[in-house]
Amino acid sequence: MAPRRWLELGDQFLLDDADWEVVEVLAVRGVRRSLRLARVQPVLGGQPRLLLQTEDALFEAEPASPEDFGESVAHLEAGSYRRQWSDEANIERARGDTGRRFTRGTCTWYAAEDGSVALVIDDTDEQAVVGAPLAPARIDLSFTDSRRGGRD
């Protein structure tokens, strides 16, 4: 799947045939790449999930320990990840209840042979996530697209 629009705070969409809403967004704008980490909440209640969005893909993500990632390789329970790139970045955190906060930091991207990825963000708080590709059939962004006036 190639998303053409970034997930934004308040967006609503279908994931696994249920209604979800974006409740928090961490936007990373690097020199070479941009990406987003979105916390999404089921509209009817339940456990939140993390979605990692790149310029051309979506991943279902889970928190990881930043200490598990080294200079070039990380060996986790989920598999081995090789460092692909690291970049200085402008980082924006947005939540409905606290507004927006801007920082600068570093983000490092890792990839595994099975298509899984990992991201380590180091700014005021160091955090990491690992993500598996999200099958396009599981997500429908058409409602969000129609609320924004359709796709470009």
N, C-alpha and C. Protein backbone atom coordinates (compact mmCIF):
# COMPACT_ATOMS: atom_id res chain seq x y z
N MET A 1 0.85 -1.17 0.00
CA MET A 1 0.00 0.00 0.00
C MET A 1 0.89 1.23 0.00
N ALA A 2 0.51 2.22 -0.76
CA ALA A 2 1.28 3.44 -0.82
C ALA A 2 0.43 4.61 -0.33
N PRO A 3 0.51 4.93 0.96
CA PRO A 3 -0.29 6.05 1.45
C PRO A 3 0.16 7.35 0.80
N ARG A 4 -0.79 8.16 0.43
CA ARG A 4 -0.46 9.43 -0.19
C ARG A 4 -0.62 10.58 0.79
N ARG A 5 -1.30 10.37 1.87
CA ARG A 5 -1.47 11.41 2.89
C ARG A 5 -0.98 10.86 4.22
N TRP A 6 -0.42 11.77 5.00
CA TRP A 6 0.04 11.39 6.34
C TRP A 6 -1.16 11.29 7.27
N LEU A 7 -1.10 10.34 8.20
CA LEU A 7 -2.12 10.27 9.25
C LEU A 7 -1.98 11.52 10.12
N GLU A 8 -3.11 12.11 10.45
CA GLU A 8 -3.16 13.34 11.26
C GLU A 8 -3.97 13.09 12.52
N LEU A 9 -3.73 13.89 13.52
CA LEU A 9 -4.50 13.86 14.76
C LEU A 9 -5.98 14.01 14.44
N GLY A 10 -6.81 13.11 14.96
CA GLY A 10 -8.26 13.16 14.74
C GLY A 10 -8.75 12.38 13.54
N ASP A 11 -7.85 11.88 12.68
CA ASP A 11 -8.28 11.08 11.54
C ASP A 11 -9.02 9.85 12.01
N GLN A 12 -10.03 9.45 11.25
CA GLN A 12 -10.78 8.23 11.54
C GLN A 12 -10.70 7.32 10.32
N PHE A 13 -10.61 6.01 10.57
CA PHE A 13 -10.45 5.05 9.49
C PHE A 13 -10.89 3.68 9.99
N LEU A 14 -10.96 2.72 9.07
CA LEU A 14 -11.27 1.34 9.41
C LEU A 14 -9.98 0.53 9.45
N LEU A 15 -9.82 -0.25 10.51
CA LEU A 15 -8.70 -1.17 10.64
C LEU A 15 -9.26 -2.47 11.19
N ASP A 16 -9.06 -3.54 10.48
CA ASP A 16 -9.61 -4.85 10.87
C ASP A 16 -11.12 -4.75 11.10
N ASP A 17 -11.83 -4.05 10.20
CA ASP A 17 -13.29 -3.89 10.21
C ASP A 17 -13.83 -3.18 11.44
N ALA A 18 -13.01 -2.39 12.12
CA ALA A 18 -13.45 -1.60 13.27
C ALA A 18 -13.06 -0.14 13.04
N ASP A 19 -13.82 0.77 13.66
CA ASP A 19 -13.54 2.19 13.55
C ASP A 19 -12.42 2.59 14.51
N TRP A 20 -11.43 3.32 14.01
CA TRP A 20 -10.29 3.77 14.79
C TRP A 20 -10.11 5.26 14.60
N GLU A 21 -9.45 5.90 15.58
CA GLU A 21 -9.15 7.32 15.50
C GLU A 21 -7.70 7.56 15.93
N VAL A 22 -7.04 8.48 15.25
CA VAL A 22 -5.67 8.85 15.60
C VAL A 22 -5.73 9.80 16.80
N VAL A 23 -5.11 9.41 17.92
CA VAL A 23 -5.16 10.22 19.14
C VAL A 23 -3.81 10.86 19.49
N GLU A 24 -2.75 10.43 18.84
CA GLU A 24 -1.43 11.01 19.09
C GLU A 24 -0.56 10.78 17.86
N VAL A 25 0.24 11.78 17.50
CA VAL A 25 1.12 11.66 16.33
C VAL A 25 2.51 12.16 16.69
N LEU A 26 3.51 11.39 16.31
CA LEU A 26 4.89 11.82 16.41
C LEU A 26 5.39 11.90 14.97
N ALA A 27 5.62 13.10 14.48
CA ALA A 27 6.08 13.31 13.10
C ALA A 27 7.58 13.56 13.11
N VAL A 28 8.30 12.83 12.27
CA VAL A 28 9.74 12.96 12.15
C VAL A 28 10.04 13.47 10.74
N ARG A 29 10.69 14.61 10.67
CA ARG A 29 11.05 15.18 9.38
C ARG A 29 12.57 15.29 9.31
N GLY A 30 13.16 14.34 8.60
CA GLY A 30 14.60 14.32 8.46
C GLY A 30 15.03 14.98 7.16
N VAL A 31 16.32 15.06 6.96
CA VAL A 31 16.86 15.65 5.75
C VAL A 31 16.50 14.79 4.54
N ARG A 32 16.60 13.47 4.70
CA ARG A 32 16.36 12.55 3.59
C ARG A 32 14.99 11.88 3.62
N ARG A 33 14.39 11.73 4.81
CA ARG A 33 13.15 10.97 4.93
C ARG A 33 12.25 11.59 5.98
N SER A 34 10.96 11.29 5.82
CA SER A 34 9.97 11.68 6.82
C SER A 34 9.16 10.45 7.17
N LEU A 35 8.64 10.43 8.39
CA LEU A 35 7.79 9.32 8.81
C LEU A 35 6.92 9.77 9.97
N ARG A 36 5.94 8.95 10.32
CA ARG A 36 5.04 9.24 11.43
C ARG A 36 4.81 7.99 12.25
N LEU A 37 4.70 8.21 13.55
CA LEU A 37 4.30 7.16 14.47
C LEU A 37 2.99 7.64 15.08
N ALA A 38 1.92 6.90 14.84
CA ALA A 38 0.59 7.31 15.29
C ALA A 38 0.04 6.32 16.30
N ARG A 39 -0.44 6.86 17.42
CA ARG A 39 -1.17 6.04 18.39
C ARG A 39 -2.64 6.14 18.00
N VAL A 40 -3.25 4.99 17.78
CA VAL A 40 -4.65 4.95 17.36
C VAL A 40 -5.48 4.23 18.41
N GLN A 41 -6.71 4.68 18.58
CA GLN A 41 -7.60 4.16 19.62
C GLN A 41 -8.89 3.69 18.95
N PRO A 42 -9.42 2.53 19.33
CA PRO A 42 -10.71 2.11 18.78
C PRO A 42 -11.79 3.11 19.24
N VAL A 43 -12.67 3.50 18.32
CA VAL A 43 -13.71 4.47 18.63
C VAL A 43 -14.64 3.95 19.72
N LEU A 44 -14.92 2.67 19.71
CA LEU A 44 -15.84 2.09 20.70
C LEU A 44 -15.14 1.59 21.95
N GLY A 45 -13.88 1.95 22.14
CA GLY A 45 -13.13 1.54 23.33
C GLY A 45 -12.30 0.31 23.06
N GLY A 46 -11.27 0.15 23.84
CA GLY A 46 -10.37 -0.99 23.69
C GLY A 46 -8.93 -0.54 23.78
N GLN A 47 -8.02 -1.44 23.47
CA GLN A 47 -6.59 -1.19 23.58
C GLN A 47 -6.08 -0.39 22.39
N PRO A 48 -5.29 0.65 22.64
CA PRO A 48 -4.70 1.41 21.53
C PRO A 48 -3.63 0.59 20.81
N ARG A 49 -3.31 1.00 19.61
CA ARG A 49 -2.26 0.38 18.80
C ARG A 49 -1.35 1.48 18.28
N LEU A 50 -0.20 1.09 17.78
CA LEU A 50 0.72 2.01 17.13
C LEU A 50 0.81 1.67 15.65
N LEU A 51 0.78 2.69 14.82
CA LEU A 51 1.01 2.53 13.39
C LEU A 51 2.21 3.39 13.02
N LEU A 52 3.13 2.80 12.29
CA LEU A 52 4.30 3.50 11.80
C LEU A 52 4.09 3.73 10.31
N GLN A 53 4.15 4.99 9.88
CA GLN A 53 3.88 5.33 8.49
C GLN A 53 5.11 5.96 7.86
N THR A 54 5.51 5.40 6.73
CA THR A 54 6.58 5.99 5.94
C THR A 54 5.93 6.65 4.72
N GLU A 55 6.75 7.17 3.84
CA GLU A 55 6.21 7.83 2.65
C GLU A 55 5.50 6.85 1.72
N ASP A 56 5.77 5.55 1.87
CA ASP A 56 5.16 4.59 0.95
C ASP A 56 4.62 3.33 1.60
N ALA A 57 4.53 3.27 2.93
CA ALA A 57 4.05 2.05 3.58
C ALA A 57 3.52 2.32 4.98
N LEU A 58 2.72 1.38 5.47
CA LEU A 58 2.24 1.40 6.85
C LEU A 58 2.69 0.12 7.54
N PHE A 59 3.05 0.25 8.83
CA PHE A 59 3.49 -0.88 9.63
C PHE A 59 2.71 -0.88 10.93
N GLU A 60 2.35 -2.07 11.41
CA GLU A 60 1.78 -2.20 12.73
C GLU A 60 2.96 -2.30 13.69
N ALA A 61 3.02 -1.40 14.67
CA ALA A 61 4.22 -1.28 15.50
C ALA A 61 3.95 -1.63 16.96
N GLU A 62 5.03 -1.96 17.65
CA GLU A 62 5.02 -2.23 19.08
C GLU A 62 6.23 -1.55 19.71
N PRO A 63 6.10 -1.10 20.96
CA PRO A 63 7.25 -0.50 21.63
C PRO A 63 8.39 -1.50 21.77
N ALA A 64 9.60 -0.99 21.73
CA ALA A 64 10.80 -1.80 21.93
C ALA A 64 11.74 -1.02 22.84
N SER A 65 12.79 -1.66 23.27
CA SER A 65 13.77 -1.02 24.14
C SER A 65 14.89 -0.40 23.30
N PRO A 66 15.11 0.91 23.41
CA PRO A 66 16.19 1.53 22.64
C PRO A 66 17.56 0.92 22.91
N GLU A 67 17.76 0.39 24.11
CA GLU A 67 19.05 -0.21 24.46
C GLU A 67 19.37 -1.46 23.65
N ASP A 68 18.35 -2.05 23.03
CA ASP A 68 18.56 -3.27 22.24
C ASP A 68 19.17 -2.99 20.87
N PHE A 69 19.28 -1.73 20.50
CA PHE A 69 19.75 -1.38 19.17
C PHE A 69 21.16 -0.85 19.22
N GLY A 70 22.04 -1.49 18.43
CA GLY A 70 23.44 -1.09 18.40
C GLY A 70 23.74 -0.24 17.19
N GLU A 71 25.03 -0.08 16.94
CA GLU A 71 25.48 0.74 15.82
C GLU A 71 25.03 0.20 14.47
N SER A 72 25.11 -1.11 14.26
CA SER A 72 24.79 -1.63 12.93
C SER A 72 23.76 -2.75 12.93
N VAL A 73 23.68 -3.54 14.00
CA VAL A 73 22.77 -4.68 14.03
C VAL A 73 22.08 -4.76 15.39
N ALA A 74 20.82 -5.19 15.35
CA ALA A 74 20.08 -5.44 16.59
C ALA A 74 19.48 -6.83 16.50
N HIS A 75 19.70 -7.64 17.53
CA HIS A 75 19.14 -8.99 17.59
C HIS A 75 18.05 -8.98 18.64
N LEU A 76 16.80 -9.07 18.19
CA LEU A 76 15.65 -9.08 19.09
C LEU A 76 14.94 -10.41 18.98
N GLU A 77 13.99 -10.63 19.87
CA GLU A 77 13.18 -11.84 19.81
C GLU A 77 12.47 -11.96 18.47
N ALA A 78 12.05 -10.81 17.92
CA ALA A 78 11.33 -10.78 16.65
C ALA A 78 12.23 -11.04 15.45
N GLY A 79 13.55 -10.96 15.63
CA GLY A 79 14.47 -11.19 14.52
C GLY A 79 15.66 -10.26 14.57
N SER A 80 16.47 -10.32 13.52
CA SER A 80 17.66 -9.46 13.42
C SER A 80 17.37 -8.29 12.49
N TYR A 81 17.81 -7.12 12.92
CA TYR A 81 17.59 -5.89 12.17
C TYR A 81 18.93 -5.25 11.86
N ARG A 82 19.10 -4.81 10.62
CA ARG A 82 20.31 -4.12 10.20
C ARG A 82 20.01 -2.63 10.04
N ARG A 83 20.93 -1.83 10.52
CA ARG A 83 20.79 -0.38 10.40
C ARG A 83 20.83 0.02 8.93
N GLN A 84 19.85 0.81 8.50
CA GLN A 84 19.77 1.27 7.12
C GLN A 84 20.21 2.72 6.98
N TRP A 85 19.82 3.56 7.94
CA TRP A 85 20.17 4.98 7.91
C TRP A 85 19.93 5.62 9.26
N SER A 86 20.58 6.76 9.45
CA SER A 86 20.39 7.58 10.64
C SER A 86 20.39 9.02 10.16
N ASP A 87 19.54 9.85 10.76
CA ASP A 87 19.37 11.20 10.26
C ASP A 87 19.01 12.16 11.38
N GLU A 88 19.53 13.37 11.32
CA GLU A 88 19.06 14.44 12.20
C GLU A 88 17.64 14.77 11.77
N ALA A 89 16.78 15.12 12.74
CA ALA A 89 15.38 15.32 12.38
C ALA A 89 14.72 16.37 13.26
N ASN A 90 13.72 17.02 12.68
CA ASN A 90 12.78 17.84 13.44
C ASN A 90 11.66 16.91 13.87
N ILE A 91 11.30 16.96 15.13
CA ILE A 91 10.31 16.03 15.68
C ILE A 91 9.16 16.84 16.27
N GLU A 92 7.96 16.46 15.87
CA GLU A 92 6.76 17.12 16.37
C GLU A 92 5.88 16.09 17.05
N ARG A 93 5.51 16.36 18.28
CA ARG A 93 4.60 15.48 19.01
C ARG A 93 3.27 16.21 19.14
N ALA A 94 2.18 15.55 18.75
CA ALA A 94 0.85 16.17 18.83
C ALA A 94 -0.12 15.24 19.52
N ARG A 95 -0.80 15.78 20.54
CA ARG A 95 -1.86 15.07 21.25
C ARG A 95 -3.01 16.04 21.44
N GLY A 96 -4.21 15.52 21.39
CA GLY A 96 -5.37 16.37 21.52
C GLY A 96 -5.45 17.11 22.83
N ASP A 97 -4.99 16.49 23.92
CA ASP A 97 -5.13 17.10 25.24
C ASP A 97 -3.95 18.00 25.64
N THR A 98 -2.81 17.90 24.95
CA THR A 98 -1.64 18.69 25.35
C THR A 98 -1.11 19.58 24.24
N GLY A 99 -1.70 19.56 23.08
CA GLY A 99 -1.22 20.39 21.98
C GLY A 99 0.00 19.80 21.30
N ARG A 100 0.84 20.68 20.76
CA ARG A 100 2.01 20.26 20.00
C ARG A 100 3.30 20.66 20.71
N ARG A 101 4.32 19.81 20.55
CA ARG A 101 5.63 20.07 21.13
C ARG A 101 6.67 19.75 20.05
N PHE A 102 7.64 20.65 19.88
CA PHE A 102 8.65 20.50 18.85
C PHE A 102 10.03 20.32 19.49
N THR A 103 10.80 19.37 18.93
CA THR A 103 12.17 19.14 19.38
C THR A 103 13.03 18.80 18.17
N ARG A 104 14.33 18.67 18.39
CA ARG A 104 15.26 18.15 17.39
C ARG A 104 15.91 16.92 17.98
N GLY A 105 16.25 16.00 17.11
CA GLY A 105 16.90 14.79 17.57
C GLY A 105 17.43 13.98 16.42
N THR A 106 17.63 12.71 16.70
CA THR A 106 18.14 11.78 15.71
C THR A 106 17.19 10.61 15.59
N CYS A 107 16.96 10.16 14.37
CA CYS A 107 16.19 8.93 14.19
C CYS A 107 17.05 7.95 13.40
N THR A 108 16.93 6.69 13.78
CA THR A 108 17.70 5.63 13.15
C THR A 108 16.75 4.53 12.70
N TRP A 109 16.88 4.10 11.47
CA TRP A 109 15.98 3.13 10.85
C TRP A 109 16.71 1.82 10.64
N TYR A 110 16.08 0.74 11.05
CA TYR A 110 16.61 -0.61 10.88
C TYR A 110 15.61 -1.43 10.07
N ALA A 111 16.08 -2.42 9.32
CA ALA A 111 15.21 -3.30 8.55
C ALA A 111 15.65 -4.75 8.70
N ALA A 112 14.66 -5.64 8.65
CA ALA A 112 14.93 -7.09 8.71
C ALA A 112 14.63 -7.69 7.34
N GLU A 113 15.15 -8.87 7.11
CA GLU A 113 14.95 -9.53 5.82
C GLU A 113 13.49 -9.85 5.53
N ASP A 114 12.67 -10.02 6.58
CA ASP A 114 11.26 -10.37 6.37
C ASP A 114 10.36 -9.16 6.11
N GLY A 115 10.94 -7.97 5.98
CA GLY A 115 10.16 -6.77 5.72
C GLY A 115 9.81 -5.98 6.97
N SER A 116 10.10 -6.54 8.14
CA SER A 116 9.87 -5.82 9.39
C SER A 116 10.88 -4.68 9.52
N VAL A 117 10.52 -3.68 10.29
CA VAL A 117 11.39 -2.52 10.47
C VAL A 117 11.47 -2.15 11.94
N ALA A 118 12.43 -1.32 12.26
CA ALA A 118 12.55 -0.77 13.61
C ALA A 118 12.98 0.68 13.50
N LEU A 119 12.53 1.48 14.44
CA LEU A 119 12.85 2.89 14.47
C LEU A 119 13.26 3.26 15.88
N VAL A 120 14.39 3.97 16.00
CA VAL A 120 14.83 4.50 17.28
C VAL A 120 14.86 6.01 17.14
N ILE A 121 14.16 6.70 18.05
CA ILE A 121 14.12 8.16 18.05
C ILE A 121 14.79 8.64 19.32
N ASP A 122 15.76 9.52 19.15
CA ASP A 122 16.50 10.06 20.30
C ASP A 122 16.39 11.57 20.26
N ASP A 123 15.49 12.09 21.11
CA ASP A 123 15.40 13.54 21.30
C ASP A 123 15.36 13.77 22.80
N THR A 124 14.36 14.42 23.34
CA THR A 124 14.30 14.59 24.80
C THR A 124 14.01 13.27 25.49
N ASP A 125 13.31 12.37 24.82
CA ASP A 125 13.03 11.03 25.31
C ASP A 125 13.47 10.04 24.24
N GLU A 126 14.24 9.04 24.64
CA GLU A 126 14.63 8.02 23.67
C GLU A 126 13.56 6.95 23.65
N GLN A 127 13.11 6.59 22.46
CA GLN A 127 12.12 5.53 22.33
C GLN A 127 12.39 4.74 21.07
N ALA A 128 11.84 3.53 21.03
CA ALA A 128 12.03 2.65 19.88
C ALA A 128 10.75 1.87 19.64
N VAL A 129 10.53 1.52 18.38
CA VAL A 129 9.42 0.64 18.01
C VAL A 129 9.91 -0.34 16.96
N VAL A 130 9.26 -1.49 16.91
CA VAL A 130 9.46 -2.43 15.82
C VAL A 130 8.12 -2.58 15.12
N GLY A 131 8.16 -2.78 13.81
CA GLY A 131 6.90 -2.85 13.08
C GLY A 131 6.93 -3.90 11.99
N ALA A 132 5.76 -4.49 11.77
CA ALA A 132 5.58 -5.46 10.68
C ALA A 132 4.68 -4.81 9.63
N PRO A 133 4.91 -5.11 8.36
CA PRO A 133 4.09 -4.51 7.31
C PRO A 133 2.60 -4.77 7.56
N LEU A 134 1.79 -3.74 7.34
CA LEU A 134 0.34 -3.84 7.51
C LEU A 134 -0.26 -4.16 6.14
N ALA A 135 -0.94 -5.29 6.04
CA ALA A 135 -1.55 -5.69 4.77
C ALA A 135 -2.58 -4.66 4.33
N PRO A 136 -2.54 -4.21 3.08
CA PRO A 136 -3.46 -3.19 2.61
C PRO A 136 -4.93 -3.54 2.82
N ALA A 137 -5.28 -4.82 2.76
CA ALA A 137 -6.68 -5.22 2.92
C ALA A 137 -7.19 -4.98 4.34
N ARG A 138 -6.30 -4.78 5.30
CA ARG A 138 -6.72 -4.59 6.70
C ARG A 138 -7.12 -3.16 7.02
N ILE A 139 -6.75 -2.19 6.18
CA ILE A 139 -7.00 -0.79 6.52
C ILE A 139 -7.71 -0.08 5.37
N ASP A 140 -8.67 0.78 5.73
CA ASP A 140 -9.43 1.57 4.76
C ASP A 140 -9.40 3.03 5.22
N LEU A 141 -8.67 3.85 4.49
CA LEU A 141 -8.53 5.26 4.83
C LEU A 141 -9.51 6.15 4.08
N SER A 142 -10.49 5.56 3.37
CA SER A 142 -11.38 6.36 2.53
C SER A 142 -12.21 7.36 3.33
N PHE A 143 -12.60 7.02 4.56
CA PHE A 143 -13.39 7.96 5.35
C PHE A 143 -12.56 9.20 5.68
N THR A 144 -11.32 8.99 6.10
CA THR A 144 -10.43 10.12 6.37
C THR A 144 -10.21 10.91 5.10
N ASP A 145 -10.00 10.21 3.97
CA ASP A 145 -9.79 10.91 2.70
C ASP A 145 -11.00 11.76 2.32
N SER A 146 -12.21 11.23 2.52
CA SER A 146 -13.40 11.99 2.15
C SER A 146 -13.61 13.19 3.06
N ARG A 147 -13.23 13.07 4.34
CA ARG A 147 -13.33 14.20 5.26
C ARG A 147 -12.36 15.31 4.90
N ARG A 148 -11.26 14.94 4.25
CA ARG A 148 -10.26 15.93 3.87
C ARG A 148 -10.45 16.43 2.45
N GLY A 149 -11.49 15.97 1.78
CA GLY A 149 -11.72 16.43 0.42
C GLY A 149 -11.20 15.51 -0.64
N GLY A 150 -10.98 14.24 -0.31
CA GLY A 150 -10.54 13.26 -1.30
C GLY A 150 -9.04 13.22 -1.47
N ARG A 151 -8.59 12.30 -2.29
CA ARG A 151 -7.17 12.13 -2.57
C ARG A 151 -6.72 13.13 -3.61
N ASP A 152 -5.45 13.45 -3.57
CA ASP A 152 -4.87 14.35 -4.59
C ASP A 152 -4.79 13.65 -5.92
